[in-house]
Amino acid sequence: MPTGAGLGFKRRMLDEVIADKPAAIDFFEVAPENWIPFGSKLNKKFKSLTERYPFICHGLSLSIGSLDPLDVDFVKQVKWFLDEHNIEIYSEHLSYCSADGHLYDLMPIPFTEEAVNHVVSRIKQVQDITERRFVLENVSYYAAPGQQLDELTFINAVLEQADCGLLLDVNNIYVNSINHGYDALSYLKGLPSERIVYGHIAGHYNEDVDLIVDTHGADVIDPVWQLLQQAYAHHGVFPTLLERDFNIPPLPELCTEVSQIKQYQQQALSEMPSLQGTYGKQPA
């Protein structure tokens, strides 16, 4: 189980990290879809890293909420990748990205009891195939079609009934709180501490005063950093990863934000010694 502060890993970083991994980075996260198709040469380089450092997988195309049949062959490929690189954690988005074909975007699942049952059934399939506890991320969304439950009730029901873990994305909470007009801290406190496996933090784009787009293409802003500190204060200190997918600066600049995560983790631990037992805790 990784601890500390991590960074989303890109292929462009491969040779640089092999030569000299920055000390600020405790673990990395990769999308398995970006590595499974490649041949032995690239995978050999990648394996030289996974043998030395902790990695997590965060998928892009599982489409856990889709009405299409679950792509069992793909899940088996992911299982092979996880086993090959000794990666224990596989997370995905609580959304869907396929409907009779790939949609190339993460679409919102209707917040309904029927959708809860549907997603839970598919999560259990994934857990059976991968032989690992699945981890779900709270996602940003821009519409809520057919909504019968509020977002927090919906995600908590899925987590409980599937008995899966939570990837707590702090930036997504902030983005949704602006776009949908709810209190970010209340939502944050309503999530189950015992299910948090790790966290994400990222930057976004302000389209308008009441519309934020989750781009992962900018620096993390102060209100999101503050929400991360509140997450540690309420839930305990959990491993946290910086996402940066666009406008990616050089690795040393990224490490400045990774170091800021570590600073807030250490600050929370020093201020509340009782949090020591929660650092990097794997939910039961």
Protein backbone atom coordinates (compact mmCIF):
# COMPACT_ATOMS: atom_id res chain seq x y z
CA MET A 1 0.00 0.00 0.00
CA PRO A 2 1.59 3.32 -1.06
CA THR A 3 1.97 6.11 1.46
CA GLY A 4 2.83 9.78 1.17
CA ALA A 5 2.50 11.85 -2.00
CA GLY A 6 2.39 10.61 -5.58
CA LEU A 7 2.31 11.75 -9.19
CA GLY A 8 0.44 10.65 -12.29
CA PHE A 9 3.02 8.94 -14.51
CA LYS A 10 3.34 9.75 -18.23
CA ARG A 11 5.38 7.90 -20.86
CA ARG A 12 7.41 11.05 -21.48
CA MET A 13 8.72 10.74 -17.90
CA LEU A 14 10.00 7.18 -18.36
CA ASP A 15 13.69 7.75 -19.08
CA GLU A 16 13.93 10.69 -16.70
CA VAL A 17 12.54 8.74 -13.76
CA ILE A 18 14.62 5.66 -14.58
CA ALA A 19 17.72 7.86 -14.43
CA ASP A 20 16.80 9.73 -11.26
CA LYS A 21 13.46 9.54 -9.47
CA PRO A 22 12.74 12.78 -7.60
CA ALA A 23 12.76 12.24 -3.85
CA ALA A 24 9.47 14.14 -3.45
CA ILE A 25 7.53 11.37 -5.23
CA ASP A 26 6.60 8.39 -3.03
CA PHE A 27 4.47 6.54 -5.59
CA PHE A 28 3.14 6.77 -9.15
CA GLU A 29 -0.19 6.18 -10.86
CA VAL A 30 -0.69 4.96 -14.43
CA ALA A 31 -3.63 4.25 -16.71
CA PRO A 32 -3.31 0.58 -17.73
CA GLU A 33 -4.82 1.40 -21.13
CA ASN A 34 -1.73 3.50 -21.90
CA TRP A 35 0.64 0.56 -21.34
CA ILE A 36 -1.11 -2.73 -22.14
CA PRO A 37 -0.88 -2.33 -25.97
CA PHE A 38 2.88 -1.71 -26.05
CA GLY A 39 5.60 -4.21 -26.85
CA SER A 40 8.31 -5.78 -24.77
CA LYS A 41 10.90 -2.98 -25.04
CA LEU A 42 8.71 -0.29 -23.48
CA ASN A 43 7.22 -2.66 -20.94
CA LYS A 44 10.68 -3.83 -19.93
CA LYS A 45 11.62 -0.23 -19.11
CA PHE A 46 8.36 0.24 -17.26
CA LYS A 47 8.85 -2.96 -15.28
CA SER A 48 12.26 -1.69 -14.16
CA LEU A 49 10.33 1.07 -12.40
CA THR A 50 7.49 -1.04 -10.97
CA GLU A 51 10.11 -3.36 -9.46
CA ARG A 52 11.63 -0.39 -7.60
CA TYR A 53 8.75 1.94 -6.74
CA PRO A 54 5.08 1.63 -5.69
CA PHE A 55 2.52 2.04 -8.49
CA ILE A 56 -1.26 2.35 -8.60
CA CYS A 57 -3.52 1.84 -11.64
CA HIS A 58 -6.24 4.36 -12.46
CA GLY A 59 -8.28 3.28 -15.46
CA LEU A 60 -9.95 5.33 -18.18
CA SER A 61 -12.22 3.02 -20.16
CA LEU A 62 -13.83 0.42 -17.89
CA SER A 63 -17.15 2.27 -18.19
CA ILE A 64 -18.49 0.85 -14.96
CA GLY A 65 -21.90 2.51 -15.33
CA SER A 66 -22.56 1.61 -18.97
CA LEU A 67 -25.54 -0.44 -20.10
CA ASP A 68 -23.24 -2.22 -22.55
CA PRO A 69 -22.03 -5.64 -21.38
CA LEU A 70 -18.93 -5.46 -19.22
CA ASP A 71 -15.81 -5.91 -21.38
CA VAL A 72 -14.58 -9.04 -19.63
CA ASP A 73 -11.65 -9.52 -22.01
CA PHE A 74 -10.42 -6.03 -21.19
CA VAL A 75 -10.75 -6.63 -17.44
CA LYS A 76 -8.71 -9.82 -17.85
CA GLN A 77 -6.02 -7.77 -19.63
CA VAL A 78 -6.01 -5.36 -16.71
CA LYS A 79 -5.70 -8.32 -14.32
CA TRP A 80 -2.65 -9.54 -16.28
CA PHE A 81 -1.11 -6.04 -16.15
CA LEU A 82 -1.68 -5.74 -12.40
CA ASP A 83 -0.15 -9.16 -11.78
CA GLU A 84 2.77 -8.55 -14.12
CA HIS A 85 3.75 -5.35 -12.33
CA ASN A 86 2.73 -6.38 -8.80
CA ILE A 87 0.16 -3.56 -8.55
CA GLU A 88 -2.52 -4.08 -5.93
CA ILE A 89 -4.76 -1.05 -6.42
CA TYR A 90 -7.01 -0.61 -9.48
CA SER A 91 -9.27 2.44 -9.43
CA GLU A 92 -11.78 3.80 -11.92
CA HIS A 93 -14.35 6.58 -12.35
CA LEU A 94 -17.94 6.33 -11.11
CA SER A 95 -19.21 7.12 -14.60
CA TYR A 96 -19.52 5.54 -18.04
CA CYS A 97 -17.79 6.17 -21.36
CA SER A 98 -19.45 3.72 -23.75
CA ALA A 99 -22.89 3.19 -25.29
CA ASP A 100 -22.81 1.02 -28.40
CA GLY A 101 -19.28 2.30 -28.87
CA HIS A 102 -16.74 4.47 -27.08
CA LEU A 103 -17.93 8.01 -26.22
CA TYR A 104 -14.45 9.45 -25.51
CA ASP A 105 -15.73 11.23 -22.43
CA LEU A 106 -16.78 10.41 -18.88
CA MET A 107 -20.58 10.62 -18.72
CA PRO A 108 -22.65 10.96 -15.52
CA ILE A 109 -24.56 7.97 -14.21
CA PRO A 110 -28.17 8.75 -13.21
CA PHE A 111 -28.42 9.02 -9.42
CA THR A 112 -31.08 6.35 -8.95
CA GLU A 113 -31.54 3.14 -6.93
CA GLU A 114 -31.65 1.20 -10.19
CA ALA A 115 -28.27 2.63 -11.20
CA VAL A 116 -26.84 1.75 -7.78
CA ASN A 117 -27.84 -1.90 -8.27
CA HIS A 118 -26.47 -1.95 -11.82
CA VAL A 119 -23.09 -0.47 -10.90
CA VAL A 120 -22.72 -2.67 -7.81
CA SER A 121 -23.29 -5.80 -9.88
CA ARG A 122 -20.58 -4.77 -12.36
CA ILE A 123 -18.12 -3.84 -9.63
CA LYS A 124 -18.50 -7.30 -8.12
CA GLN A 125 -17.71 -8.80 -11.54
CA VAL A 126 -14.53 -6.72 -11.78
CA GLN A 127 -13.47 -7.65 -8.26
CA ASP A 128 -13.98 -11.35 -9.00
CA ILE A 129 -11.88 -11.19 -12.17
CA THR A 130 -9.05 -9.00 -10.87
CA GLU A 131 -8.99 -10.70 -7.45
CA ARG A 132 -8.60 -7.27 -5.91
CA ARG A 133 -10.83 -4.86 -4.09
CA PHE A 134 -12.06 -2.29 -6.61
CA VAL A 135 -11.61 1.44 -5.90
CA LEU A 136 -14.12 4.04 -7.15
CA GLU A 137 -13.45 7.73 -7.73
CA ASN A 138 -16.02 10.45 -7.10
CA VAL A 139 -16.16 12.24 -10.45
CA SER A 140 -16.87 15.73 -11.74
CA TYR A 141 -20.08 16.00 -13.76
CA TYR A 142 -21.95 18.79 -15.52
CA ALA A 143 -25.51 17.42 -15.66
CA ALA A 144 -27.55 15.01 -13.53
CA PRO A 145 -30.07 13.28 -15.81
CA GLY A 146 -32.90 11.39 -14.13
CA GLN A 147 -31.70 12.29 -10.66
CA GLN A 148 -33.65 10.70 -7.78
CA LEU A 149 -30.89 10.63 -5.14
CA ASP A 150 -28.40 13.32 -4.23
CA GLU A 151 -24.80 12.69 -5.28
CA LEU A 152 -23.54 11.86 -1.79
CA THR A 153 -26.32 9.35 -1.11
CA PHE A 154 -25.67 7.72 -4.48
CA ILE A 155 -21.92 7.24 -4.08
CA ASN A 156 -22.24 6.06 -0.48
CA ALA A 157 -24.82 3.48 -1.51
CA VAL A 158 -22.52 2.14 -4.24
CA LEU A 159 -19.52 1.98 -1.90
CA GLU A 160 -21.48 0.19 0.81
CA GLN A 161 -23.32 -2.32 -1.35
CA ALA A 162 -20.29 -3.19 -3.51
CA ASP A 163 -18.01 -3.17 -0.45
CA CYS A 164 -15.36 -1.36 -2.47
CA GLY A 165 -12.83 1.37 -1.74
CA LEU A 166 -12.96 5.10 -2.42
CA LEU A 167 -10.55 7.24 -4.39
CA LEU A 168 -11.31 10.63 -2.89
CA ASP A 169 -10.80 13.32 -5.55
CA VAL A 170 -10.70 16.63 -3.66
CA ASN A 171 -10.70 18.78 -6.78
CA ASN A 172 -13.83 17.03 -8.10
CA ILE A 173 -15.65 17.85 -4.88
CA TYR A 174 -14.70 21.51 -5.25
CA VAL A 175 -15.64 21.60 -8.95
CA ASN A 176 -19.04 20.00 -8.33
CA SER A 177 -19.75 22.24 -5.35
CA ILE A 178 -19.42 25.30 -7.60
CA ASN A 179 -21.20 23.84 -10.60
CA HIS A 180 -24.10 22.37 -8.62
CA GLY A 181 -24.28 24.77 -5.69
CA TYR A 182 -23.62 22.53 -2.69
CA ASP A 183 -21.33 22.85 0.31
CA ALA A 184 -18.00 21.13 -0.42
CA LEU A 185 -17.08 20.57 3.22
CA SER A 186 -20.42 18.96 4.07
CA TYR A 187 -20.02 16.58 1.13
CA LEU A 188 -16.45 15.81 2.13
CA LYS A 189 -17.45 14.99 5.69
CA GLY A 190 -20.28 12.78 4.46
CA LEU A 191 -17.91 10.31 2.78
CA PRO A 192 -16.90 7.16 4.70
CA SER A 193 -13.39 7.55 6.14
CA GLU A 194 -12.89 3.80 6.42
CA ARG A 195 -13.26 3.32 2.66
CA ILE A 196 -10.69 5.92 1.54
CA VAL A 197 -7.77 4.14 -0.15
CA TYR A 198 -6.05 7.22 -1.58
CA GLY A 199 -6.78 10.68 -2.94
CA HIS A 200 -6.40 12.90 -5.99
CA ILE A 201 -5.76 16.60 -6.24
CA ALA A 202 -5.57 18.63 -9.46
CA GLY A 203 -6.09 21.96 -11.17
CA HIS A 204 -9.05 23.05 -13.27
CA TYR A 205 -10.30 25.77 -15.63
CA ASN A 206 -12.78 28.51 -14.67
CA GLU A 207 -15.16 28.76 -17.61
CA ASP A 208 -17.43 31.22 -15.75
CA VAL A 209 -18.23 32.28 -12.18
CA ASP A 210 -20.50 29.25 -11.76
CA LEU A 211 -18.91 26.81 -14.21
CA ILE A 212 -15.60 25.03 -13.62
CA VAL A 213 -14.16 22.42 -15.99
CA ASP A 214 -12.03 19.66 -14.49
CA THR A 215 -9.06 19.77 -16.89
CA HIS A 216 -6.05 18.62 -14.83
CA GLY A 217 -4.27 21.28 -16.85
CA ALA A 218 -3.34 23.95 -14.30
CA ASP A 219 -1.82 24.42 -10.86
CA VAL A 220 -3.92 23.51 -7.82
CA ILE A 221 -5.66 26.60 -6.41
CA ASP A 222 -5.77 27.66 -2.76
CA PRO A 223 -9.41 26.67 -2.04
CA VAL A 224 -8.65 23.12 -3.23
CA TRP A 225 -5.50 22.95 -1.09
CA GLN A 226 -7.61 24.11 1.86
CA LEU A 227 -10.18 21.40 1.15
CA LEU A 228 -7.38 18.82 1.13
CA GLN A 229 -6.26 20.03 4.55
CA GLN A 230 -9.85 19.71 5.79
CA ALA A 231 -9.99 16.18 4.34
CA TYR A 232 -6.92 15.19 6.38
CA ALA A 233 -8.34 16.82 9.50
CA HIS A 234 -11.65 14.94 9.19
CA HIS A 235 -10.70 11.59 7.62
CA GLY A 236 -7.06 11.22 8.62
CA VAL A 237 -4.03 11.46 6.37
CA PHE A 238 -4.33 9.28 3.27
CA PRO A 239 -1.93 8.81 0.32
CA THR A 240 -2.57 11.63 -2.15
CA LEU A 241 -1.59 12.00 -5.79
CA LEU A 242 -1.19 15.04 -8.05
CA GLU A 243 -2.88 14.71 -11.45
CA ARG A 244 -1.59 16.75 -14.38
CA ASP A 245 -2.73 15.70 -17.86
CA PHE A 246 -2.41 18.88 -19.94
CA ASN A 247 0.02 21.82 -20.04
CA ILE A 248 2.45 19.54 -18.23
CA PRO A 249 5.46 21.43 -16.86
CA PRO A 250 8.91 19.90 -16.33
CA LEU A 251 9.15 17.26 -13.64
CA PRO A 252 10.90 19.53 -11.09
CA GLU A 253 7.96 21.96 -11.27
CA LEU A 254 5.46 19.16 -10.75
CA CYS A 255 7.44 18.07 -7.72
CA THR A 256 6.84 21.47 -6.13
CA GLU A 257 3.13 20.62 -5.84
CA VAL A 258 3.89 17.04 -4.81
CA SER A 259 6.06 18.46 -2.02
CA GLN A 260 3.16 20.68 -0.98
CA ILE A 261 1.00 17.59 -0.53
CA LYS A 262 3.68 16.11 1.74
CA GLN A 263 3.87 19.36 3.68
CA TYR A 264 0.13 19.29 4.42
CA GLN A 265 0.31 15.61 5.35
CA GLN A 266 3.11 16.20 7.83
CA GLN A 267 1.38 19.29 9.20
CA ALA A 268 -1.82 17.32 9.82
CA LEU A 269 0.10 14.53 11.52
CA SER A 270 1.99 16.94 13.76
CA GLU A 271 -1.16 18.83 14.75
CA MET A 272 -3.22 15.71 15.45
CA PRO A 273 -1.11 12.78 16.69
CA SER A 274 -4.20 10.57 16.62
CA LEU A 275 -4.01 10.69 12.82
CA GLN A 276 -0.75 8.71 12.89
CA GLY A 277 -2.70 5.47 12.80
CA THR A 278 -4.60 6.48 9.67
CA TYR A 279 -1.62 7.36 7.50
CA GLY A 280 -1.74 5.09 4.46
CA LYS A 281 -4.42 2.96 6.08
CA GLN A 282 -6.07 0.34 3.89
CA PRO A 283 -9.81 0.17 4.61
CA ALA A 284 -10.97 -3.06 6.21
